[in-house]
Amino acid sequence: MPAFYLRDSGFSIDERVDSPKEVAYIMNSKWSMDLKGGIVIGNPVPEEYEENKEQITRAIGQALRELKENDIKGKESTPFLLARVKDLTGGESLETNIQLVYNNAKVAAQIAVEYNLIT
């Protein structure tokens, strides 16, 4: 399972599919059976934009400590963490985030095309 800044979180998954077509068939099957619940599509950041594991782990750890020290909670947490991690990585994490968004949009569009073809 991918992590936010890394291609591998270290967590295992029960199933894996490697094409937008397979995802579209799974979505169609689930929805046509009127099953409850969601579908998690773990799409990794492109390899060339993956963060250095030690650097990002250190930055996230420091940002989390500062979050607690500054008693930041609720909806302020995510913007604080993203900004702080960006600062601590010299902006590298922001580029990773942007590339992950682009990649997610690309894969989502591919899945939508395949889903449209089978429905």
C-alpha atoms as a PDB file:
ATOM      1  CA  MET A   1       0.000   0.000   0.000  1.00  0.00           C
ATOM      2  CA  PRO A   2       1.481   3.344  -0.925  1.00  0.00           C
ATOM      3  CA  ALA A   3       2.021   6.116   1.603  1.00  0.00           C
ATOM      4  CA  PHE A   4       1.507   9.806   0.968  1.00  0.00           C
ATOM      5  CA  TYR A   5       5.108  10.674   0.096  1.00  0.00           C
ATOM      6  CA  LEU A   6       6.414   7.145  -0.482  1.00  0.00           C
ATOM      7  CA  ARG A   7       5.523   4.391  -2.917  1.00  0.00           C
ATOM      8  CA  ASP A   8       5.457   1.809  -0.121  1.00  0.00           C
ATOM      9  CA  SER A   9       4.025   2.375   3.345  1.00  0.00           C
ATOM     10  CA  GLY A  10       5.137  -0.991   4.680  1.00  0.00           C
ATOM     11  CA  PHE A  11       1.489  -2.030   5.112  1.00  0.00           C
ATOM     12  CA  SER A  12       0.247  -5.012   3.134  1.00  0.00           C
ATOM     13  CA  ILE A  13      -3.005  -5.254   1.225  1.00  0.00           C
ATOM     14  CA  ASP A  14      -5.321  -8.182   0.529  1.00  0.00           C
ATOM     15  CA  GLU A  15      -5.831  -7.546  -3.183  1.00  0.00           C
ATOM     16  CA  ARG A  16      -4.040  -5.685  -5.924  1.00  0.00           C
ATOM     17  CA  VAL A  17      -5.091  -4.630  -9.392  1.00  0.00           C
ATOM     18  CA  ASP A  18      -2.802  -3.007 -11.902  1.00  0.00           C
ATOM     19  CA  SER A  19      -5.017  -1.484 -14.539  1.00  0.00           C
ATOM     20  CA  PRO A  20      -7.786   1.098 -14.735  1.00  0.00           C
ATOM     21  CA  LYS A  21      -9.912  -1.501 -16.533  1.00  0.00           C
ATOM     22  CA  GLU A  22      -9.700  -3.902 -13.569  1.00  0.00           C
ATOM     23  CA  VAL A  23     -10.672  -1.095 -11.185  1.00  0.00           C
ATOM     24  CA  ALA A  24     -13.634  -0.178 -13.382  1.00  0.00           C
ATOM     25  CA  TYR A  25     -14.873  -3.785 -13.349  1.00  0.00           C
ATOM     26  CA  ILE A  26     -14.557  -3.962  -9.573  1.00  0.00           C
ATOM     27  CA  MET A  27     -16.465  -0.694  -9.170  1.00  0.00           C
ATOM     28  CA  ASN A  28     -19.182  -1.851 -11.539  1.00  0.00           C
ATOM     29  CA  SER A  29     -19.531  -5.218  -9.809  1.00  0.00           C
ATOM     30  CA  LYS A  30     -19.740  -3.675  -6.344  1.00  0.00           C
ATOM     31  CA  TRP A  31     -22.209  -0.979  -7.316  1.00  0.00           C
ATOM     32  CA  SER A  32     -24.406  -3.306  -9.399  1.00  0.00           C
ATOM     33  CA  MET A  33     -24.777  -5.561  -6.331  1.00  0.00           C
ATOM     34  CA  ASP A  34     -25.716  -2.482  -4.272  1.00  0.00           C
ATOM     35  CA  LEU A  35     -23.016  -3.290  -1.710  1.00  0.00           C
ATOM     36  CA  LYS A  36     -22.312  -0.744   1.021  1.00  0.00           C
ATOM     37  CA  GLY A  37     -18.902   0.724   1.730  1.00  0.00           C
ATOM     38  CA  GLY A  38     -16.173   2.291  -0.306  1.00  0.00           C
ATOM     39  CA  ILE A  39     -13.332   1.247  -2.534  1.00  0.00           C
ATOM     40  CA  VAL A  40      -9.800   2.342  -1.681  1.00  0.00           C
ATOM     41  CA  ILE A  41      -7.606   2.899  -4.691  1.00  0.00           C
ATOM     42  CA  GLY A  42      -4.038   3.306  -3.502  1.00  0.00           C
ATOM     43  CA  ASN A  43      -2.233   5.080  -6.322  1.00  0.00           C
ATOM     44  CA  PRO A  44       1.452   5.707  -5.560  1.00  0.00           C
ATOM     45  CA  VAL A  45       3.344   8.876  -6.276  1.00  0.00           C
ATOM     46  CA  PRO A  46       5.427   8.526  -9.469  1.00  0.00           C
ATOM     47  CA  GLU A  47       8.789   6.974  -8.630  1.00  0.00           C
ATOM     48  CA  GLU A  48      10.820   9.993  -9.710  1.00  0.00           C
ATOM     49  CA  TYR A  49       8.961  12.188  -7.173  1.00  0.00           C
ATOM     50  CA  GLU A  50       9.097   9.809  -4.209  1.00  0.00           C
ATOM     51  CA  GLU A  51      10.609  11.367  -1.095  1.00  0.00           C
ATOM     52  CA  ASN A  52      13.680  10.075   0.691  1.00  0.00           C
ATOM     53  CA  LYS A  53      12.251   7.843   3.429  1.00  0.00           C
ATOM     54  CA  GLU A  54      14.570   9.022   6.213  1.00  0.00           C
ATOM     55  CA  GLN A  55      14.147  12.710   5.360  1.00  0.00           C
ATOM     56  CA  ILE A  56      10.362  12.602   5.126  1.00  0.00           C
ATOM     57  CA  THR A  57      10.029  10.480   8.267  1.00  0.00           C
ATOM     58  CA  ARG A  58      12.182  12.964  10.171  1.00  0.00           C
ATOM     59  CA  ALA A  59      10.219  15.953   8.824  1.00  0.00           C
ATOM     60  CA  ILE A  60       6.838  14.399   9.640  1.00  0.00           C
ATOM     61  CA  GLY A  61       8.021  13.461  13.132  1.00  0.00           C
ATOM     62  CA  GLN A  62       9.223  16.987  13.831  1.00  0.00           C
ATOM     63  CA  ALA A  63       6.024  18.518  12.417  1.00  0.00           C
ATOM     64  CA  LEU A  64       3.914  16.218  14.607  1.00  0.00           C
ATOM     65  CA  ARG A  65       5.907  17.192  17.693  1.00  0.00           C
ATOM     66  CA  GLU A  66       5.433  20.872  16.877  1.00  0.00           C
ATOM     67  CA  LEU A  67       1.725  20.290  16.293  1.00  0.00           C
ATOM     68  CA  LYS A  68       1.417  18.876  19.798  1.00  0.00           C
ATOM     69  CA  GLU A  69       3.682  21.514  21.384  1.00  0.00           C
ATOM     70  CA  ASN A  70       1.590  24.288  19.820  1.00  0.00           C
ATOM     71  CA  ASP A  71      -1.687  22.572  20.777  1.00  0.00           C
ATOM     72  CA  ILE A  72      -2.931  22.694  17.182  1.00  0.00           C
ATOM     73  CA  LYS A  73      -6.034  20.572  16.685  1.00  0.00           C
ATOM     74  CA  GLY A  74      -8.951  19.914  14.391  1.00  0.00           C
ATOM     75  CA  LYS A  75      -9.178  21.499  10.988  1.00  0.00           C
ATOM     76  CA  GLU A  76      -5.985  23.505  11.564  1.00  0.00           C
ATOM     77  CA  SER A  77      -3.914  20.309  11.826  1.00  0.00           C
ATOM     78  CA  THR A  78      -3.639  19.365   8.153  1.00  0.00           C
ATOM     79  CA  PRO A  79      -2.663  22.806   6.802  1.00  0.00           C
ATOM     80  CA  PHE A  80      -0.106  23.173   9.606  1.00  0.00           C
ATOM     81  CA  LEU A  81       1.422  19.752   8.959  1.00  0.00           C
ATOM     82  CA  LEU A  82       1.591  20.173   5.184  1.00  0.00           C
ATOM     83  CA  ALA A  83       3.176  23.619   5.478  1.00  0.00           C
ATOM     84  CA  ARG A  84       5.636  22.540   8.152  1.00  0.00           C
ATOM     85  CA  VAL A  85       6.695  19.396   6.272  1.00  0.00           C
ATOM     86  CA  LYS A  86       7.139  21.531   3.144  1.00  0.00           C
ATOM     87  CA  ASP A  87       9.407  23.905   5.050  1.00  0.00           C
ATOM     88  CA  LEU A  88      11.384  21.094   6.639  1.00  0.00           C
ATOM     89  CA  THR A  89      11.991  19.408   3.259  1.00  0.00           C
ATOM     90  CA  GLY A  90      12.955  22.628   1.507  1.00  0.00           C
ATOM     91  CA  GLY A  91       9.825  22.479  -0.633  1.00  0.00           C
ATOM     92  CA  GLU A  92      10.412  18.945  -1.916  1.00  0.00           C
ATOM     93  CA  SER A  93       7.281  17.577  -0.257  1.00  0.00           C
ATOM     94  CA  LEU A  94       5.137  20.194  -2.012  1.00  0.00           C
ATOM     95  CA  GLU A  95       6.424  19.009  -5.394  1.00  0.00           C
ATOM     96  CA  THR A  96       5.675  15.434  -4.351  1.00  0.00           C
ATOM     97  CA  ASN A  97       2.130  16.452  -3.355  1.00  0.00           C
ATOM     98  CA  ILE A  98       1.576  18.208  -6.672  1.00  0.00           C
ATOM     99  CA  GLN A  99       2.831  15.211  -8.658  1.00  0.00           C
ATOM    100  CA  LEU A 100       0.648  12.858  -6.604  1.00  0.00           C
ATOM    101  CA  VAL A 101      -2.411  15.005  -7.413  1.00  0.00           C
ATOM    102  CA  TYR A 102      -1.527  14.955 -11.128  1.00  0.00           C
ATOM    103  CA  ASN A 103      -1.022  11.205 -11.063  1.00  0.00           C
ATOM    104  CA  ASN A 104      -4.288  10.650  -9.177  1.00  0.00           C
ATOM    105  CA  ALA A 105      -6.176  12.785 -11.711  1.00  0.00           C
ATOM    106  CA  LYS A 106      -4.604  10.863 -14.600  1.00  0.00           C
ATOM    107  CA  VAL A 107      -5.472   7.461 -13.141  1.00  0.00           C
ATOM    108  CA  ALA A 108      -8.983   8.611 -12.150  1.00  0.00           C
ATOM    109  CA  ALA A 109      -9.609   9.762 -15.723  1.00  0.00           C
ATOM    110  CA  GLN A 110      -8.393   6.419 -17.068  1.00  0.00           C
ATOM    111  CA  ILE A 111     -10.704   4.578 -14.653  1.00  0.00           C
ATOM    112  CA  ALA A 112     -13.639   6.815 -15.663  1.00  0.00           C
ATOM    113  CA  VAL A 113     -13.061   6.068 -19.344  1.00  0.00           C
ATOM    114  CA  GLU A 114     -12.941   2.331 -18.684  1.00  0.00           C
ATOM    115  CA  TYR A 115     -16.009   2.489 -16.437  1.00  0.00           C
ATOM    116  CA  ASN A 116     -17.917   4.361 -19.129  1.00  0.00           C
ATOM    117  CA  LEU A 117     -17.004   1.667 -21.667  1.00  0.00           C
ATOM    118  CA  ILE A 118     -18.473  -1.155 -19.564  1.00  0.00           C
ATOM    119  CA  THR A 119     -21.649   0.547 -18.370  1.00  0.00           C
END
